[in-house]
Amino acid sequence: MKSEHKQTLSVPLLALRLRALVLALGERAGPPWWKTEFMNETGLRFLERLCPRTFFRAAIHAAGKAACDAHDRAVGRVSVYHLFRLPASLDAEINRMPPNADEDFVTDFRAALKNPGKLMESLASLCSRTEAGSAAPGARRIGTDRDLMTRIAFDTMAAVYHRAFMQRNSVFPYFAAEQSGGRG
């Protein structure tokens, strides 16, 4: 899948691409990480008939709800962030992007759906490094909310997900909110 160099992507665009790839691979995993069928060609065609301009975002939103629930069950909902529960300001930026903001990626993504290896290559292209060690199943803290608004955070998430899909483990990377307030 051809794509711009990761360094030129804005954080919201990087988050949207990572969501799409993780959702598609999570649906295809054995066993699936969530039981949706939106991030495949049939699901996209169905949504394309209902909302032709925003079908890709609709697919990410619908499958993302199930992925959010799976992540919430693994990491909790209080004082944590993950790929499908980002800070409100970042989610707002993602939602403000025009539907055609990433048309080339959507075209390449749809072509890659025929070959899960291509989806994995696209996920690998979002990582500047490979994740060391094993991707033990379950929740995995990878930073704090201060780290979350950076490209490095999404690079780390991409590496953790890539390793997990390679090892066929469901891993849920998250960022813990730092406690604010009075230090001595």
C-alpha atoms as a PDB file:
ATOM      1  CA  MET A   1       0.000   0.000   0.000  1.00  0.00           C
ATOM      2  CA  LYS A   2       1.580   3.251  -1.046  1.00  0.00           C
ATOM      3  CA  SER A   3       1.334   6.069   1.457  1.00  0.00           C
ATOM      4  CA  GLU A   4       2.947   9.284   2.510  1.00  0.00           C
ATOM      5  CA  HIS A   5       5.872   9.057   4.858  1.00  0.00           C
ATOM      6  CA  LYS A   6       4.601   8.738   8.412  1.00  0.00           C
ATOM      7  CA  GLN A   7       6.447  11.893   9.504  1.00  0.00           C
ATOM      8  CA  THR A   8       4.308  14.052   7.193  1.00  0.00           C
ATOM      9  CA  LEU A   9       1.009  12.768   8.590  1.00  0.00           C
ATOM     10  CA  SER A  10      -0.829  14.786  11.201  1.00  0.00           C
ATOM     11  CA  VAL A  11      -1.578  13.003  14.481  1.00  0.00           C
ATOM     12  CA  PRO A  12      -5.352  12.869  13.715  1.00  0.00           C
ATOM     13  CA  LEU A  13      -4.708  11.345  10.278  1.00  0.00           C
ATOM     14  CA  LEU A  14      -2.236   8.881  11.786  1.00  0.00           C
ATOM     15  CA  ALA A  15      -4.844   7.909  14.411  1.00  0.00           C
ATOM     16  CA  LEU A  16      -7.511   7.412  11.743  1.00  0.00           C
ATOM     17  CA  ARG A  17      -5.254   5.196   9.622  1.00  0.00           C
ATOM     18  CA  LEU A  18      -4.159   3.157  12.624  1.00  0.00           C
ATOM     19  CA  ARG A  19      -7.785   2.677  13.672  1.00  0.00           C
ATOM     20  CA  ALA A  20      -8.751   1.471  10.193  1.00  0.00           C
ATOM     21  CA  LEU A  21      -5.900  -1.039   9.980  1.00  0.00           C
ATOM     22  CA  VAL A  22      -6.353  -2.387  13.521  1.00  0.00           C
ATOM     23  CA  LEU A  23     -10.119  -2.693  12.969  1.00  0.00           C
ATOM     24  CA  ALA A  24      -9.695  -4.625   9.717  1.00  0.00           C
ATOM     25  CA  LEU A  25      -7.034  -6.927  11.149  1.00  0.00           C
ATOM     26  CA  GLY A  26      -8.994  -7.374  14.389  1.00  0.00           C
ATOM     27  CA  GLU A  27     -12.061  -8.493  12.432  1.00  0.00           C
ATOM     28  CA  ARG A  28      -9.944 -11.010  10.499  1.00  0.00           C
ATOM     29  CA  ALA A  29      -7.947 -12.330  13.456  1.00  0.00           C
ATOM     30  CA  GLY A  30      -8.527 -15.913  14.540  1.00  0.00           C
ATOM     31  CA  PRO A  31     -10.428 -15.681  16.789  1.00  0.00           C
ATOM     32  CA  PRO A  32     -11.690 -12.198  15.922  1.00  0.00           C
ATOM     33  CA  TRP A  33     -10.969  -9.496  18.479  1.00  0.00           C
ATOM     34  CA  TRP A  34     -14.495  -8.096  17.893  1.00  0.00           C
ATOM     35  CA  LYS A  35     -17.385  -9.470  15.914  1.00  0.00           C
ATOM     36  CA  THR A  36     -18.086  -6.838  13.295  1.00  0.00           C
ATOM     37  CA  GLU A  37     -18.113  -7.057   9.535  1.00  0.00           C
ATOM     38  CA  PHE A  38     -17.709  -3.402   8.543  1.00  0.00           C
ATOM     39  CA  MET A  39     -14.011  -3.381   7.663  1.00  0.00           C
ATOM     40  CA  ASN A  40     -14.236  -5.748   4.732  1.00  0.00           C
ATOM     41  CA  GLU A  41     -15.331  -5.120   1.146  1.00  0.00           C
ATOM     42  CA  THR A  42     -18.917  -6.310   1.746  1.00  0.00           C
ATOM     43  CA  GLY A  43     -19.339  -4.070   4.782  1.00  0.00           C
ATOM     44  CA  LEU A  44     -17.823  -1.092   2.986  1.00  0.00           C
ATOM     45  CA  ARG A  45     -20.088  -1.590  -0.048  1.00  0.00           C
ATOM     46  CA  PHE A  46     -23.132  -1.778   2.224  1.00  0.00           C
ATOM     47  CA  LEU A  47     -22.199   1.468   3.959  1.00  0.00           C
ATOM     48  CA  GLU A  48     -21.247   3.087   0.656  1.00  0.00           C
ATOM     49  CA  ARG A  49     -24.860   2.699  -0.501  1.00  0.00           C
ATOM     50  CA  LEU A  50     -26.175   4.284   2.706  1.00  0.00           C
ATOM     51  CA  CYS A  51     -23.673   7.126   3.000  1.00  0.00           C
ATOM     52  CA  PRO A  52     -21.600   7.447  -0.186  1.00  0.00           C
ATOM     53  CA  ARG A  53     -19.387  10.351   0.952  1.00  0.00           C
ATOM     54  CA  THR A  54     -18.679   9.141   4.484  1.00  0.00           C
ATOM     55  CA  PHE A  55     -18.860   5.346   4.218  1.00  0.00           C
ATOM     56  CA  PHE A  56     -15.250   4.803   5.326  1.00  0.00           C
ATOM     57  CA  ARG A  57     -15.658   6.941   8.431  1.00  0.00           C
ATOM     58  CA  ALA A  58     -18.991   5.224   9.128  1.00  0.00           C
ATOM     59  CA  ALA A  59     -17.274   1.827   8.950  1.00  0.00           C
ATOM     60  CA  ILE A  60     -14.527   2.984  11.309  1.00  0.00           C
ATOM     61  CA  HIS A  61     -17.123   4.432  13.680  1.00  0.00           C
ATOM     62  CA  ALA A  62     -19.324   1.310  13.711  1.00  0.00           C
ATOM     63  CA  ALA A  63     -16.495  -1.218  14.064  1.00  0.00           C
ATOM     64  CA  GLY A  64     -14.737   1.179  16.422  1.00  0.00           C
ATOM     65  CA  LYS A  65     -17.629   0.966  18.893  1.00  0.00           C
ATOM     66  CA  ALA A  66     -17.090  -2.795  19.218  1.00  0.00           C
ATOM     67  CA  ALA A  67     -13.314  -2.343  19.404  1.00  0.00           C
ATOM     68  CA  CYS A  68     -13.759   0.313  22.096  1.00  0.00           C
ATOM     69  CA  ASP A  69     -15.874  -2.083  24.146  1.00  0.00           C
ATOM     70  CA  ALA A  70     -13.227  -4.816  23.804  1.00  0.00           C
ATOM     71  CA  HIS A  71     -10.468  -2.414  24.853  1.00  0.00           C
ATOM     72  CA  ASP A  72     -12.567  -1.067  27.753  1.00  0.00           C
ATOM     73  CA  ARG A  73     -13.131  -4.601  29.046  1.00  0.00           C
ATOM     74  CA  ALA A  74      -9.380  -5.232  28.933  1.00  0.00           C
ATOM     75  CA  VAL A  75      -8.041  -1.925  30.290  1.00  0.00           C
ATOM     76  CA  GLY A  76     -10.998  -0.294  32.027  1.00  0.00           C
ATOM     77  CA  ARG A  77     -12.683   3.012  31.360  1.00  0.00           C
ATOM     78  CA  VAL A  78     -11.485   5.228  34.172  1.00  0.00           C
ATOM     79  CA  SER A  79      -8.304   7.290  33.784  1.00  0.00           C
ATOM     80  CA  VAL A  80      -7.127   5.458  30.664  1.00  0.00           C
ATOM     81  CA  TYR A  81      -6.962   6.177  26.945  1.00  0.00           C
ATOM     82  CA  HIS A  82      -6.551   3.784  24.055  1.00  0.00           C
ATOM     83  CA  LEU A  83      -6.813   3.881  20.260  1.00  0.00           C
ATOM     84  CA  PHE A  84     -10.602   3.809  20.375  1.00  0.00           C
ATOM     85  CA  ARG A  85     -11.018   6.108  23.395  1.00  0.00           C
ATOM     86  CA  LEU A  86      -8.804   9.102  22.741  1.00  0.00           C
ATOM     87  CA  PRO A  87      -8.914  12.486  24.461  1.00  0.00           C
ATOM     88  CA  ALA A  88     -11.935  14.497  23.336  1.00  0.00           C
ATOM     89  CA  SER A  89      -9.770  17.156  21.664  1.00  0.00           C
ATOM     90  CA  LEU A  90      -8.077  14.560  19.427  1.00  0.00           C
ATOM     91  CA  ASP A  91     -11.355  12.836  18.582  1.00  0.00           C
ATOM     92  CA  ALA A  92     -12.800  16.245  17.664  1.00  0.00           C
ATOM     93  CA  GLU A  93      -9.872  16.879  15.302  1.00  0.00           C
ATOM     94  CA  ILE A  94     -10.415  13.485  13.679  1.00  0.00           C
ATOM     95  CA  ASN A  95     -14.123  14.185  13.223  1.00  0.00           C
ATOM     96  CA  ARG A  96     -13.441  17.651  11.732  1.00  0.00           C
ATOM     97  CA  MET A  97     -11.334  16.225   8.912  1.00  0.00           C
ATOM     98  CA  PRO A  98     -13.214  16.260   5.596  1.00  0.00           C
ATOM     99  CA  PRO A  99     -14.457  12.838   4.434  1.00  0.00           C
ATOM    100  CA  ASN A 100     -12.125  12.920   1.420  1.00  0.00           C
ATOM    101  CA  ALA A 101      -9.043  13.916   3.461  1.00  0.00           C
ATOM    102  CA  ASP A 102      -7.394  10.546   2.885  1.00  0.00           C
ATOM    103  CA  GLU A 103      -8.839   9.231  -0.383  1.00  0.00           C
ATOM    104  CA  ASP A 104      -5.592   7.609  -1.546  1.00  0.00           C
ATOM    105  CA  PHE A 105      -5.340   5.665   1.715  1.00  0.00           C
ATOM    106  CA  VAL A 106      -8.969   4.507   1.405  1.00  0.00           C
ATOM    107  CA  THR A 107      -8.359   3.318  -2.161  1.00  0.00           C
ATOM    108  CA  ASP A 108      -5.183   1.465  -1.144  1.00  0.00           C
ATOM    109  CA  PHE A 109      -6.892   0.074   1.983  1.00  0.00           C
ATOM    110  CA  ARG A 110      -9.747  -1.391  -0.069  1.00  0.00           C
ATOM    111  CA  ALA A 111      -7.275  -3.003  -2.470  1.00  0.00           C
ATOM    112  CA  ALA A 112      -5.350  -4.468   0.498  1.00  0.00           C
ATOM    113  CA  LEU A 113      -8.490  -6.078   1.932  1.00  0.00           C
ATOM    114  CA  LYS A 114      -8.003  -8.928  -0.525  1.00  0.00           C
ATOM    115  CA  ASN A 115      -4.661  -9.732   1.102  1.00  0.00           C
ATOM    116  CA  PRO A 116      -4.188  -9.579   4.900  1.00  0.00           C
ATOM    117  CA  GLY A 117      -0.430  -9.503   4.305  1.00  0.00           C
ATOM    118  CA  LYS A 118      -0.828  -6.116   2.633  1.00  0.00           C
ATOM    119  CA  LEU A 119      -2.798  -4.865   5.635  1.00  0.00           C
ATOM    120  CA  MET A 120       0.063  -5.994   7.877  1.00  0.00           C
ATOM    121  CA  GLU A 121       2.562  -4.198   5.612  1.00  0.00           C
ATOM    122  CA  SER A 122       0.500  -1.030   5.949  1.00  0.00           C
ATOM    123  CA  LEU A 123       0.430  -1.419   9.718  1.00  0.00           C
ATOM    124  CA  ALA A 124       4.205  -1.997   9.722  1.00  0.00           C
ATOM    125  CA  SER A 125       4.651   1.217   7.707  1.00  0.00           C
ATOM    126  CA  LEU A 126       3.215   3.143  10.670  1.00  0.00           C
ATOM    127  CA  CYS A 127       5.986   1.799  12.957  1.00  0.00           C
ATOM    128  CA  SER A 128       9.504   3.161  12.844  1.00  0.00           C
ATOM    129  CA  ARG A 129      10.700   0.274  14.986  1.00  0.00           C
ATOM    130  CA  THR A 130       9.589  -3.212  15.807  1.00  0.00           C
ATOM    131  CA  GLU A 131       8.239  -4.101  19.218  1.00  0.00           C
ATOM    132  CA  ALA A 132      10.671  -6.293  21.122  1.00  0.00           C
ATOM    133  CA  GLY A 133       9.688  -9.422  22.991  1.00  0.00           C
ATOM    134  CA  SER A 134       6.397 -11.164  23.000  1.00  0.00           C
ATOM    135  CA  ALA A 135       3.015  -9.543  22.815  1.00  0.00           C
ATOM    136  CA  ALA A 136       1.453 -11.277  25.802  1.00  0.00           C
ATOM    137  CA  PRO A 137      -2.332 -11.195  25.523  1.00  0.00           C
ATOM    138  CA  GLY A 138      -4.277  -8.563  27.438  1.00  0.00           C
ATOM    139  CA  ALA A 139      -3.829  -4.979  28.558  1.00  0.00           C
ATOM    140  CA  ARG A 140      -0.449  -3.323  28.078  1.00  0.00           C
ATOM    141  CA  ARG A 141       0.402   0.110  29.446  1.00  0.00           C
ATOM    142  CA  ILE A 142       2.625   1.978  27.010  1.00  0.00           C
ATOM    143  CA  GLY A 143       2.653   5.483  28.449  1.00  0.00           C
ATOM    144  CA  THR A 144       0.714   8.292  30.047  1.00  0.00           C
ATOM    145  CA  ASP A 145      -1.834  10.734  28.698  1.00  0.00           C
ATOM    146  CA  ARG A 146       0.997  13.275  28.286  1.00  0.00           C
ATOM    147  CA  ASP A 147       2.592  10.962  25.715  1.00  0.00           C
ATOM    148  CA  LEU A 148      -0.612  10.384  23.792  1.00  0.00           C
ATOM    149  CA  MET A 149      -0.776  13.467  21.580  1.00  0.00           C
ATOM    150  CA  THR A 150       2.477  12.668  19.746  1.00  0.00           C
ATOM    151  CA  ARG A 151       3.463  10.722  16.664  1.00  0.00           C
ATOM    152  CA  ILE A 152       5.718   8.613  18.890  1.00  0.00           C
ATOM    153  CA  ALA A 153       2.654   7.397  20.831  1.00  0.00           C
ATOM    154  CA  PHE A 154       0.985   6.215  17.632  1.00  0.00           C
ATOM    155  CA  ASP A 155       4.239   4.671  16.427  1.00  0.00           C
ATOM    156  CA  THR A 156       4.416   2.721  19.688  1.00  0.00           C
ATOM    157  CA  MET A 157       0.771   1.638  19.447  1.00  0.00           C
ATOM    158  CA  ALA A 158       1.279   0.531  15.851  1.00  0.00           C
ATOM    159  CA  ALA A 159       4.331  -1.520  16.887  1.00  0.00           C
ATOM    160  CA  VAL A 160       2.448  -3.185  19.752  1.00  0.00           C
ATOM    161  CA  TYR A 161      -0.535  -4.038  17.534  1.00  0.00           C
ATOM    162  CA  HIS A 162       1.745  -5.267  14.742  1.00  0.00           C
ATOM    163  CA  ARG A 163       3.570  -7.610  17.112  1.00  0.00           C
ATOM    164  CA  ALA A 164       0.249  -8.830  18.545  1.00  0.00           C
ATOM    165  CA  PHE A 165      -1.198  -9.648  15.116  1.00  0.00           C
ATOM    166  CA  MET A 166       2.066 -11.383  14.130  1.00  0.00           C
ATOM    167  CA  GLN A 167       1.884 -13.542  17.270  1.00  0.00           C
ATOM    168  CA  ARG A 168      -1.892 -14.019  17.033  1.00  0.00           C
ATOM    169  CA  ASN A 169      -2.521 -12.510  20.468  1.00  0.00           C
ATOM    170  CA  SER A 170      -5.118  -9.892  21.318  1.00  0.00           C
ATOM    171  CA  VAL A 171      -3.254  -7.060  23.008  1.00  0.00           C
ATOM    172  CA  PHE A 172      -4.788  -3.803  24.171  1.00  0.00           C
ATOM    173  CA  PRO A 173      -2.229  -0.999  24.492  1.00  0.00           C
ATOM    174  CA  TYR A 174      -3.287   1.928  26.660  1.00  0.00           C
ATOM    175  CA  PHE A 175      -2.134   5.170  28.228  1.00  0.00           C
ATOM    176  CA  ALA A 176      -2.840   5.881  31.890  1.00  0.00           C
ATOM    177  CA  ALA A 177      -3.932   9.362  32.894  1.00  0.00           C
ATOM    178  CA  GLU A 178      -1.435  11.026  35.206  1.00  0.00           C
ATOM    179  CA  GLN A 179      -2.895  12.243  38.438  1.00  0.00           C
ATOM    180  CA  SER A 180      -2.923  16.014  38.564  1.00  0.00           C
ATOM    181  CA  GLY A 181      -2.774  18.034  41.672  1.00  0.00           C
ATOM    182  CA  GLY A 182      -0.773  18.753  44.712  1.00  0.00           C
ATOM    183  CA  ARG A 183       2.730  17.644  45.157  1.00  0.00           C
ATOM    184  CA  GLY A 184       4.205  18.753  48.314  1.00  0.00           C
END
